[in-house]
Amino acid sequence: MENKVYDIVAKNFNMATDSINSKTGPSDIPLWDSLGHMTLISSIEQSFNIEFEFEEMFEVVSVQSIIDILNRKIEQK
């Protein structure tokens, strides 16, 4: 799952996957603005067939936070 998240982030922001790590966040990626954030969330939702709650969208501050939310959602199923 971690690699898939890295791939999605890389694709959304036109970056090389190997330039992304768990600590990568909006301050590291110029295109990760409010619109980029919503596009990323949408891509994650489609790829993992899940839906972020409103509050969870604000929890996304890094790649690791995306992974943490996904793990939590998978455990809830």
N, C-alpha and C. Protein backbone atom coordinates (compact mmCIF):
# COMPACT_ATOMS: atom_id res chain seq x y z
N MET A 1 0.82 -1.19 0.00
CA MET A 1 0.00 0.00 0.00
C MET A 1 0.87 1.26 0.00
N GLU A 2 1.93 1.25 0.77
CA GLU A 2 2.81 2.40 0.86
C GLU A 2 3.34 2.82 -0.52
N ASN A 3 3.80 1.84 -1.29
CA ASN A 3 4.33 2.15 -2.63
C ASN A 3 3.25 2.70 -3.54
N LYS A 4 2.03 2.20 -3.40
CA LYS A 4 0.93 2.69 -4.22
C LYS A 4 0.63 4.16 -3.88
N VAL A 5 0.69 4.51 -2.60
CA VAL A 5 0.48 5.90 -2.19
C VAL A 5 1.58 6.78 -2.78
N TYR A 6 2.82 6.32 -2.70
CA TYR A 6 3.94 7.09 -3.27
C TYR A 6 3.71 7.31 -4.76
N ASP A 7 3.27 6.27 -5.45
CA ASP A 7 3.01 6.38 -6.90
C ASP A 7 1.91 7.40 -7.20
N ILE A 8 0.87 7.38 -6.39
CA ILE A 8 -0.25 8.31 -6.60
C ILE A 8 0.21 9.75 -6.37
N VAL A 9 0.96 9.97 -5.30
CA VAL A 9 1.47 11.32 -5.02
C VAL A 9 2.37 11.78 -6.17
N ALA A 10 3.26 10.91 -6.60
CA ALA A 10 4.18 11.25 -7.69
C ALA A 10 3.41 11.60 -8.96
N LYS A 11 2.44 10.79 -9.28
CA LYS A 11 1.66 11.02 -10.51
C LYS A 11 0.88 12.33 -10.43
N ASN A 12 0.26 12.59 -9.27
CA ASN A 12 -0.54 13.80 -9.10
C ASN A 12 0.28 15.08 -9.21
N PHE A 13 1.52 15.00 -8.77
CA PHE A 13 2.34 16.20 -8.75
C PHE A 13 3.50 16.15 -9.75
N ASN A 14 3.40 15.25 -10.72
CA ASN A 14 4.41 15.13 -11.78
C ASN A 14 5.83 15.06 -11.24
N MET A 15 6.04 14.11 -10.34
CA MET A 15 7.34 13.93 -9.71
C MET A 15 7.82 12.50 -9.90
N ALA A 16 9.09 12.30 -9.64
CA ALA A 16 9.64 10.94 -9.62
C ALA A 16 9.26 10.30 -8.29
N THR A 17 8.83 9.05 -8.35
CA THR A 17 8.43 8.34 -7.13
C THR A 17 9.56 8.29 -6.11
N ASP A 18 10.79 8.16 -6.57
CA ASP A 18 11.91 8.04 -5.63
C ASP A 18 12.25 9.36 -4.94
N SER A 19 11.59 10.45 -5.32
CA SER A 19 11.82 11.72 -4.64
C SER A 19 10.82 11.95 -3.50
N ILE A 20 9.97 10.94 -3.26
CA ILE A 20 8.94 11.04 -2.23
C ILE A 20 9.27 10.08 -1.10
N ASN A 21 9.06 10.55 0.13
CA ASN A 21 9.22 9.67 1.29
C ASN A 21 8.06 9.93 2.24
N SER A 22 8.05 9.25 3.36
CA SER A 22 6.91 9.34 4.28
C SER A 22 6.71 10.74 4.85
N LYS A 23 7.79 11.53 4.91
CA LYS A 23 7.70 12.87 5.48
C LYS A 23 7.33 13.94 4.45
N THR A 24 7.27 13.58 3.18
CA THR A 24 6.94 14.54 2.13
C THR A 24 5.55 15.11 2.37
N GLY A 25 5.46 16.42 2.26
CA GLY A 25 4.17 17.09 2.49
C GLY A 25 4.04 18.32 1.62
N PRO A 26 3.00 19.10 1.85
CA PRO A 26 2.74 20.28 1.02
C PRO A 26 3.90 21.28 0.95
N SER A 27 4.65 21.43 2.02
CA SER A 27 5.76 22.38 2.00
C SER A 27 6.92 21.91 1.11
N ASP A 28 6.92 20.64 0.75
CA ASP A 28 7.97 20.07 -0.09
C ASP A 28 7.61 20.07 -1.57
N ILE A 29 6.33 20.24 -1.87
CA ILE A 29 5.85 20.12 -3.25
C ILE A 29 5.07 21.39 -3.61
N PRO A 30 5.65 22.24 -4.47
CA PRO A 30 4.98 23.49 -4.84
C PRO A 30 3.56 23.32 -5.39
N LEU A 31 3.31 22.24 -6.11
CA LEU A 31 1.97 22.02 -6.68
C LEU A 31 0.94 21.53 -5.65
N TRP A 32 1.41 21.20 -4.43
CA TRP A 32 0.50 20.71 -3.40
C TRP A 32 -0.15 21.90 -2.69
N ASP A 33 -1.01 22.58 -3.42
CA ASP A 33 -1.79 23.68 -2.87
C ASP A 33 -3.19 23.15 -2.58
N SER A 34 -4.15 24.04 -2.35
CA SER A 34 -5.49 23.57 -1.98
C SER A 34 -6.14 22.73 -3.09
N LEU A 35 -5.97 23.14 -4.33
CA LEU A 35 -6.53 22.36 -5.44
C LEU A 35 -5.78 21.04 -5.59
N GLY A 36 -4.47 21.09 -5.49
CA GLY A 36 -3.66 19.87 -5.56
C GLY A 36 -4.03 18.90 -4.45
N HIS A 37 -4.33 19.44 -3.27
CA HIS A 37 -4.72 18.62 -2.12
C HIS A 37 -6.01 17.86 -2.43
N MET A 38 -7.00 18.56 -2.97
CA MET A 38 -8.28 17.92 -3.27
C MET A 38 -8.14 16.90 -4.40
N THR A 39 -7.30 17.20 -5.38
CA THR A 39 -7.06 16.27 -6.47
C THR A 39 -6.38 15.01 -5.94
N LEU A 40 -5.42 15.19 -5.04
CA LEU A 40 -4.73 14.05 -4.43
C LEU A 40 -5.71 13.19 -3.63
N ILE A 41 -6.53 13.82 -2.80
CA ILE A 41 -7.52 13.09 -2.01
C ILE A 41 -8.44 12.29 -2.93
N SER A 42 -8.90 12.90 -4.00
CA SER A 42 -9.78 12.23 -4.95
C SER A 42 -9.08 11.03 -5.58
N SER A 43 -7.83 11.18 -5.95
CA SER A 43 -7.07 10.07 -6.54
C SER A 43 -6.89 8.93 -5.55
N ILE A 44 -6.62 9.26 -4.30
CA ILE A 44 -6.47 8.23 -3.25
C ILE A 44 -7.80 7.50 -3.07
N GLU A 45 -8.89 8.26 -3.00
CA GLU A 45 -10.21 7.65 -2.82
C GLU A 45 -10.53 6.68 -3.95
N GLN A 46 -10.28 7.09 -5.17
CA GLN A 46 -10.57 6.24 -6.33
C GLN A 46 -9.68 5.00 -6.34
N SER A 47 -8.41 5.17 -6.06
CA SER A 47 -7.46 4.05 -6.12
C SER A 47 -7.71 2.99 -5.05
N PHE A 48 -8.16 3.44 -3.88
CA PHE A 48 -8.37 2.50 -2.77
C PHE A 48 -9.85 2.21 -2.52
N ASN A 49 -10.72 2.80 -3.35
CA ASN A 49 -12.16 2.60 -3.22
C ASN A 49 -12.65 2.91 -1.79
N ILE A 50 -12.22 4.06 -1.30
CA ILE A 50 -12.65 4.53 0.02
C ILE A 50 -13.11 5.96 -0.11
N GLU A 51 -13.65 6.50 0.98
CA GLU A 51 -14.07 7.89 0.98
C GLU A 51 -13.56 8.55 2.25
N PHE A 52 -12.83 9.66 2.08
CA PHE A 52 -12.35 10.41 3.22
C PHE A 52 -13.49 11.18 3.86
N GLU A 53 -13.53 11.18 5.18
CA GLU A 53 -14.47 12.03 5.91
C GLU A 53 -13.93 13.46 5.82
N PHE A 54 -14.80 14.44 6.02
CA PHE A 54 -14.41 15.84 5.93
C PHE A 54 -13.20 16.14 6.83
N GLU A 55 -13.24 15.67 8.08
CA GLU A 55 -12.16 15.93 9.03
C GLU A 55 -10.84 15.29 8.59
N GLU A 56 -10.94 14.13 7.97
CA GLU A 56 -9.73 13.41 7.54
C GLU A 56 -8.97 14.18 6.46
N MET A 57 -9.69 14.94 5.66
CA MET A 57 -9.02 15.72 4.61
C MET A 57 -8.03 16.71 5.22
N PHE A 58 -8.35 17.19 6.41
CA PHE A 58 -7.47 18.14 7.10
C PHE A 58 -6.34 17.44 7.85
N GLU A 59 -6.47 16.15 8.06
CA GLU A 59 -5.41 15.37 8.72
C GLU A 59 -4.24 15.10 7.77
N VAL A 60 -4.48 15.23 6.48
CA VAL A 60 -3.44 14.93 5.49
C VAL A 60 -2.43 16.07 5.46
N VAL A 61 -1.28 15.82 6.10
CA VAL A 61 -0.21 16.81 6.16
C VAL A 61 1.10 16.24 5.63
N SER A 62 1.08 14.96 5.29
CA SER A 62 2.26 14.29 4.75
C SER A 62 1.83 12.98 4.10
N VAL A 63 2.75 12.37 3.41
CA VAL A 63 2.47 11.05 2.81
C VAL A 63 2.16 10.05 3.92
N GLN A 64 2.90 10.12 5.03
CA GLN A 64 2.66 9.19 6.14
C GLN A 64 1.24 9.36 6.69
N SER A 65 0.75 10.58 6.76
CA SER A 65 -0.60 10.78 7.29
C SER A 65 -1.65 10.13 6.37
N ILE A 66 -1.39 10.12 5.07
CA ILE A 66 -2.29 9.43 4.14
C ILE A 66 -2.28 7.93 4.44
N ILE A 67 -1.10 7.38 4.62
CA ILE A 67 -0.96 5.95 4.91
C ILE A 67 -1.66 5.61 6.23
N ASP A 68 -1.50 6.47 7.24
CA ASP A 68 -2.14 6.24 8.54
C ASP A 68 -3.66 6.23 8.41
N ILE A 69 -4.20 7.16 7.65
CA ILE A 69 -5.66 7.22 7.46
C ILE A 69 -6.14 5.97 6.71
N LEU A 70 -5.41 5.57 5.69
CA LEU A 70 -5.79 4.37 4.94
C LEU A 70 -5.76 3.14 5.84
N ASN A 71 -4.72 3.01 6.65
CA ASN A 71 -4.64 1.87 7.57
C ASN A 71 -5.82 1.85 8.52
N ARG A 72 -6.18 3.00 9.03
CA ARG A 72 -7.32 3.12 9.94
C ARG A 72 -8.61 2.72 9.25
N LYS A 73 -8.79 3.16 8.00
CA LYS A 73 -10.01 2.85 7.25
C LYS A 73 -10.09 1.35 6.92
N ILE A 74 -8.96 0.75 6.61
CA ILE A 74 -8.93 -0.68 6.29
C ILE A 74 -9.29 -1.49 7.53
N GLU A 75 -8.79 -1.07 8.69
CA GLU A 75 -9.09 -1.78 9.94
C GLU A 75 -10.57 -1.69 10.29
N GLN A 76 -11.21 -0.59 9.91
CA GLN A 76 -12.63 -0.38 10.23
C GLN A 76 -13.56 -1.24 9.39
N LYS A 77 -13.07 -1.70 8.23
CA LYS A 77 -13.93 -2.49 7.33
C LYS A 77 -14.21 -3.86 7.88
